[in-house]
Protein backbone atom coordinates (compact mmCIF):
# COMPACT_ATOMS: atom_id res chain seq x y z
CA UNK A 1 -11.49 -4.69 1.21
CA UNK A 2 -13.61 -7.12 3.19
CA UNK A 3 -11.09 -7.06 6.04
CA UNK A 4 -11.67 -4.04 8.29
CA UNK A 5 -9.39 -4.85 11.22
CA UNK A 6 -5.76 -5.90 11.57
CA UNK A 7 -5.46 -9.54 10.46
CA UNK A 8 -2.27 -11.64 10.09
CA UNK A 9 -1.29 -11.78 6.43
CA UNK A 10 -3.53 -8.88 5.40
CA UNK A 11 -2.61 -5.23 4.73
CA UNK A 12 -2.11 -3.34 7.99
CA UNK A 13 -0.32 -0.13 7.02
CA UNK A 14 0.83 1.97 4.09
CA UNK A 15 3.85 4.24 4.06
CA UNK A 16 5.04 6.92 1.66
CA UNK A 17 8.80 7.19 1.15
CA UNK A 18 9.27 10.63 -0.36
CA UNK A 19 11.78 13.30 -1.27
CA UNK A 20 9.75 15.99 0.52
CA UNK A 21 7.70 14.97 3.55
CA UNK A 22 6.48 18.51 4.27
CA UNK A 23 5.21 19.01 0.72
CA UNK A 24 3.58 15.57 0.77
CA UNK A 25 1.77 16.45 4.00
CA UNK A 26 0.29 19.54 2.34
CA UNK A 27 -0.66 17.63 -0.80
CA UNK A 28 -2.43 14.74 0.93
CA UNK A 29 -4.23 17.15 3.25
CA UNK A 30 -5.70 18.77 0.15
CA UNK A 31 -6.56 15.42 -1.46
CA UNK A 32 -7.80 13.34 1.49
CA UNK A 33 -8.09 15.82 4.34
CA UNK A 34 -5.34 14.06 6.28
CA UNK A 35 -3.87 15.64 9.40
CA UNK A 36 -0.08 15.27 9.60
CA UNK A 37 1.92 14.91 12.80
CA UNK A 38 5.71 14.45 12.78
CA UNK A 39 7.34 12.20 15.39
CA UNK A 40 9.43 14.66 17.46
CA UNK A 41 12.12 12.11 18.36
CA UNK A 42 15.40 12.70 16.52
CA UNK A 43 15.78 8.96 16.03
CA UNK A 44 12.48 8.91 14.10
CA UNK A 45 14.16 10.79 11.26
CA UNK A 46 11.16 12.96 10.37
CA UNK A 47 8.64 10.11 10.32
CA UNK A 48 5.21 11.69 9.93
CA UNK A 49 1.84 10.12 10.69
CA UNK A 50 -1.30 10.87 8.67
CA UNK A 51 -4.70 10.68 10.34
CA UNK A 52 -8.38 10.81 9.44
CA UNK A 53 -9.92 12.40 12.50
CA UNK A 54 -8.21 10.64 15.41
CA UNK A 55 -7.48 7.46 13.44
CA UNK A 56 -3.96 6.96 12.11
CA UNK A 57 -4.17 5.66 8.54
CA UNK A 58 -0.75 6.10 6.87
CA UNK A 59 2.68 7.68 7.22
CA UNK A 60 5.45 9.38 5.30
CA UNK A 61 9.20 9.17 5.75
CA UNK A 62 12.19 10.74 3.98
CA UNK A 63 14.17 8.74 1.43
CA UNK A 64 16.69 6.65 3.33
CA UNK A 65 18.91 5.21 0.58
CA UNK A 66 20.68 6.73 -2.46
CA UNK A 67 18.67 6.25 -5.62
CA UNK A 68 15.57 5.10 -3.77
CA UNK A 69 12.40 5.97 -5.67
CA UNK A 70 9.58 8.00 -4.20
CA UNK A 71 6.79 5.46 -3.72
CA UNK A 72 4.06 4.08 -1.50
CA UNK A 73 4.91 0.85 0.32
CA UNK A 74 2.19 -1.63 1.32
CA UNK A 75 2.72 -3.40 4.65
CA UNK A 76 1.25 -6.75 5.71
CA UNK A 77 0.76 -7.94 9.29
CA UNK A 78 2.77 -10.86 10.62
CA UNK A 79 3.34 -12.51 13.96
CA UNK A 80 7.02 -13.23 13.24
CA UNK A 81 9.04 -10.97 10.95
CA UNK A 82 12.13 -13.20 11.09
CA UNK A 83 10.26 -16.33 10.14
CA UNK A 84 8.47 -14.56 7.30
CA UNK A 85 11.71 -13.10 5.94
CA UNK A 86 13.20 -16.59 5.93
CA UNK A 87 10.12 -17.99 4.18
CA UNK A 88 10.35 -15.28 1.51
CA UNK A 89 13.97 -16.21 0.79
CA UNK A 90 13.13 -19.92 0.63
CA UNK A 91 10.31 -19.18 -1.82
CA UNK A 92 12.57 -17.29 -4.21
CA UNK A 93 12.05 -13.74 -2.96
CA UNK A 94 14.59 -11.43 -1.35
CA UNK A 95 15.16 -9.44 1.84
CA UNK A 96 15.75 -5.75 1.09
CA UNK A 97 15.83 -4.58 4.71
CA UNK A 98 16.29 -7.23 7.38
CA UNK A 99 13.98 -7.40 10.40
CA UNK A 100 14.58 -4.57 12.86
CA UNK A 101 12.85 -2.88 15.78
CA UNK A 102 11.04 0.46 15.62
CA UNK A 103 11.31 1.72 19.19
CA UNK A 104 8.79 -0.31 21.23
CA UNK A 105 6.16 -0.11 18.50
CA UNK A 106 6.99 -3.25 16.56
CA UNK A 107 9.39 -4.96 14.21
CA UNK A 108 9.47 -4.60 10.43
CA UNK A 109 11.23 -5.89 7.34
CA UNK A 110 11.16 -4.91 3.67
CA UNK A 111 10.96 -7.85 1.29
CA UNK A 112 10.45 -8.50 -2.42
CA UNK A 113 8.73 -11.27 -4.34
CA UNK A 114 10.55 -13.25 -7.07
CA UNK A 115 9.55 -10.68 -9.73
CA UNK A 116 10.95 -7.82 -7.64
CA UNK A 117 7.75 -6.25 -6.24
CA UNK A 118 8.66 -4.81 -2.84
CA UNK A 119 6.46 -4.90 0.24
CA UNK A 120 6.91 -4.57 3.99
CA UNK A 121 5.81 -6.72 6.92
CA UNK A 122 4.99 -5.55 10.42
CA UNK A 123 5.18 -7.51 13.67
CA UNK A 124 3.17 -5.38 16.06
CA UNK A 125 4.04 -4.56 19.63
CA UNK A 126 2.91 -1.13 20.82
CA UNK A 127 1.37 -0.17 17.48
CA UNK A 128 -0.89 -2.57 15.58
CA UNK A 129 -1.18 -0.61 12.34
CA UNK A 130 -3.90 1.38 10.61
CA UNK A 131 -6.69 2.39 12.97
CA UNK A 132 -9.15 2.71 10.13
CA UNK A 133 -9.50 0.57 7.00
CA UNK A 134 -11.91 0.52 4.10
CA UNK A 135 -13.44 3.90 4.93
CA UNK A 136 -13.15 7.28 3.19
CA UNK A 137 -9.57 8.53 3.47
CA UNK A 138 -8.19 5.15 4.53
CA UNK A 139 -6.60 2.22 2.75
CA UNK A 140 -9.30 0.29 0.92
CA UNK A 141 -7.56 -2.09 -1.52
CA UNK A 142 -4.06 -3.18 -2.60
CA UNK A 143 -3.04 -4.38 -6.03
CA UNK A 144 0.00 -6.23 -7.30
CA UNK A 145 1.18 -5.37 -10.82
CA UNK A 146 3.42 -8.20 -12.03
CA UNK A 147 4.84 -9.79 -15.15
CA UNK A 148 4.56 -13.33 -13.73
CA UNK A 149 1.10 -14.01 -12.36
CA UNK A 150 1.63 -17.76 -11.96
CA UNK A 151 4.75 -17.25 -9.85
CA UNK A 152 2.99 -14.58 -7.76
CA UNK A 153 0.10 -16.90 -6.92
CA UNK A 154 2.49 -19.64 -5.83
CA UNK A 155 4.68 -17.24 -3.83
CA UNK A 156 2.05 -15.33 -1.85
CA UNK A 157 -0.08 -18.40 -1.20
CA UNK A 158 2.98 -20.08 0.28
CA UNK A 159 4.52 -17.29 2.35
CA UNK A 160 1.42 -15.39 3.51
CA UNK A 161 -1.27 -18.07 3.22
CA UNK A 162 -3.49 -16.06 0.91
CA UNK A 163 -6.55 -17.44 -0.79
CA UNK A 164 -6.86 -16.76 -4.52
CA UNK A 165 -10.20 -16.11 -6.20
CA UNK A 166 -11.15 -15.23 -9.75
CA UNK A 167 -13.53 -12.29 -9.99
CA UNK A 168 -14.37 -12.42 -13.68
CA UNK A 169 -10.97 -12.06 -15.38
CA UNK A 170 -9.42 -10.40 -12.31
CA UNK A 171 -7.50 -12.34 -9.65
CA UNK A 172 -8.22 -11.35 -6.04
CA UNK A 173 -6.23 -12.01 -2.87
CA UNK A 174 -7.81 -12.83 0.47
CA UNK A 175 -7.45 -14.34 3.92
CA UNK A 176 -9.87 -17.19 4.41
CA UNK A 177 -11.82 -15.93 1.41
CA UNK A 178 -12.14 -12.34 2.71
CA UNK A 179 -10.64 -10.37 -0.17
CA UNK A 180 -8.39 -7.35 0.37
CA UNK A 181 -6.60 -6.95 -2.97
CA UNK A 182 -5.98 -8.11 -6.48
CA UNK A 183 -3.47 -8.63 -9.26
CA UNK A 184 -2.99 -7.06 -12.67
CA UNK A 185 -0.27 -7.29 -15.29
CA UNK A 186 2.52 -4.74 -15.66
CA UNK A 187 1.51 -4.37 -19.30
CA UNK A 188 -1.92 -3.17 -18.20
CA UNK A 189 -0.30 -0.08 -16.72
CA UNK A 190 0.58 1.00 -20.30
CA UNK A 191 3.80 2.78 -19.28
CA UNK A 192 7.34 1.69 -20.17
CA UNK A 193 8.74 2.72 -16.78
CA UNK A 194 6.53 0.35 -14.80
CA UNK A 195 8.14 -2.57 -13.00
CA UNK A 196 6.45 -5.13 -10.72
CA UNK A 197 5.10 -3.29 -7.67
CA UNK A 198 2.35 -3.03 -5.07
CA UNK A 199 -0.13 -0.18 -5.39
CA UNK A 200 -2.40 1.08 -2.57
CA UNK A 201 -5.93 2.26 -3.30
CA UNK A 202 -7.56 4.67 -0.85
CA UNK A 203 -11.32 4.64 -0.38
CA UNK A 204 -13.05 7.95 -1.11
CA UNK A 205 -16.60 9.26 -1.09
CA UNK A 206 -16.24 10.63 -4.62
CA UNK A 207 -13.66 9.39 -7.11
CA UNK A 208 -14.35 12.28 -9.48
CA UNK A 209 -14.12 14.91 -6.77
CA UNK A 210 -10.95 13.44 -5.28
CA UNK A 211 -9.33 13.07 -8.69
CA UNK A 212 -10.06 16.73 -9.41
CA UNK A 213 -8.49 17.83 -6.11
CA UNK A 214 -5.48 15.59 -6.73
CA UNK A 215 -4.88 17.24 -10.10
CA UNK A 216 -5.57 20.80 -8.91
CA UNK A 217 -3.12 20.32 -6.03
CA UNK A 218 -0.24 19.43 -8.36
CA UNK A 219 -0.65 15.71 -9.01
CA UNK A 220 -0.79 14.00 -12.40
CA UNK A 221 -3.78 11.86 -13.31
CA UNK A 222 -2.52 8.60 -14.80
CA UNK A 223 -5.95 7.04 -15.17
CA UNK A 224 -9.08 9.19 -15.25
CA UNK A 225 -12.12 8.03 -13.24
CA UNK A 226 -13.26 4.74 -14.73
CA UNK A 227 -16.02 2.29 -13.91
CA UNK A 228 -14.64 -1.24 -13.63
CA UNK A 229 -17.08 -3.83 -15.06
CA UNK A 230 -18.81 -5.47 -12.09
CA UNK A 231 -16.49 -3.47 -9.83
CA UNK A 232 -15.88 -0.03 -8.36
CA UNK A 233 -15.19 3.35 -9.90
CA UNK A 234 -11.45 3.97 -9.73
CA UNK A 235 -8.71 6.40 -10.76
CA UNK A 236 -4.92 6.51 -10.50
CA UNK A 237 -2.75 9.50 -9.61
CA UNK A 238 0.94 10.38 -9.32
CA UNK A 239 1.68 12.87 -6.54
CA UNK A 240 3.98 15.89 -7.09
CA UNK A 241 7.04 13.96 -5.86
CA UNK A 242 6.30 10.95 -8.10
CA UNK A 243 4.54 8.41 -5.86
CA UNK A 244 1.59 6.63 -7.50
CA UNK A 245 -1.63 5.70 -5.70
CA UNK A 246 -5.13 4.67 -6.61
CA UNK A 247 -8.53 5.74 -5.35
CA UNK A 248 -11.81 3.84 -5.41
CA UNK A 249 -15.39 4.55 -4.48
CA UNK A 250 -15.91 3.58 -0.84
CA UNK A 251 -18.31 0.70 -0.34
CA UNK A 252 -17.92 -0.76 -3.83
CA UNK A 253 -14.84 -2.93 -3.33
CA UNK A 254 -14.81 -6.55 -4.45
């Protein structure tokens, strides 16, 4: 990720919606060394922040709807959640959770692109988003898996103003040419249960070491450490509650 500070249109936060926040806190402490701190306010509903040192990098929250899957949600920064939600609808996407306030911290909405890949947007007030990006233990890349690449390019270029760049055979997303993510096909995931989705990759000092800890702590390795041609070393893991995330060697992003 060439973007290392909060930028409109770029990833600004990542949130785990899970069936067991306490167990997730233990698991990700073992994998990334994250410190977990639950918001004590009853209205926060058990929302728990994850930090690397003093820098907040991610969060976890309990499932809030029947049948909701355990998953990581990628959030993009915006200056106007209402306007962006309207733009998503006009471009063929959908609004899953309409814009709403989170205390005095900001305003968010959960949206989906025309293929059904869900993502969130964040209009900051008291909280801007991740206090560390593209460093070990923090969000370092995001990737869209889709079954309609042409539609995705048209959609995200229109609603979030992304630049699109070919890196070999791989499509990368950026803001003003500063890349922060990419796009792959659903078929490339090689699993029948995969639908269009956004996947976060966390930067780590050692992909092999982190993958080993992830497995030893109860996760399932979906893709063993692999060197991407002209790219980073990566791996993909499913946590004990079922949420999938990627890891990549810090400092080797596209």
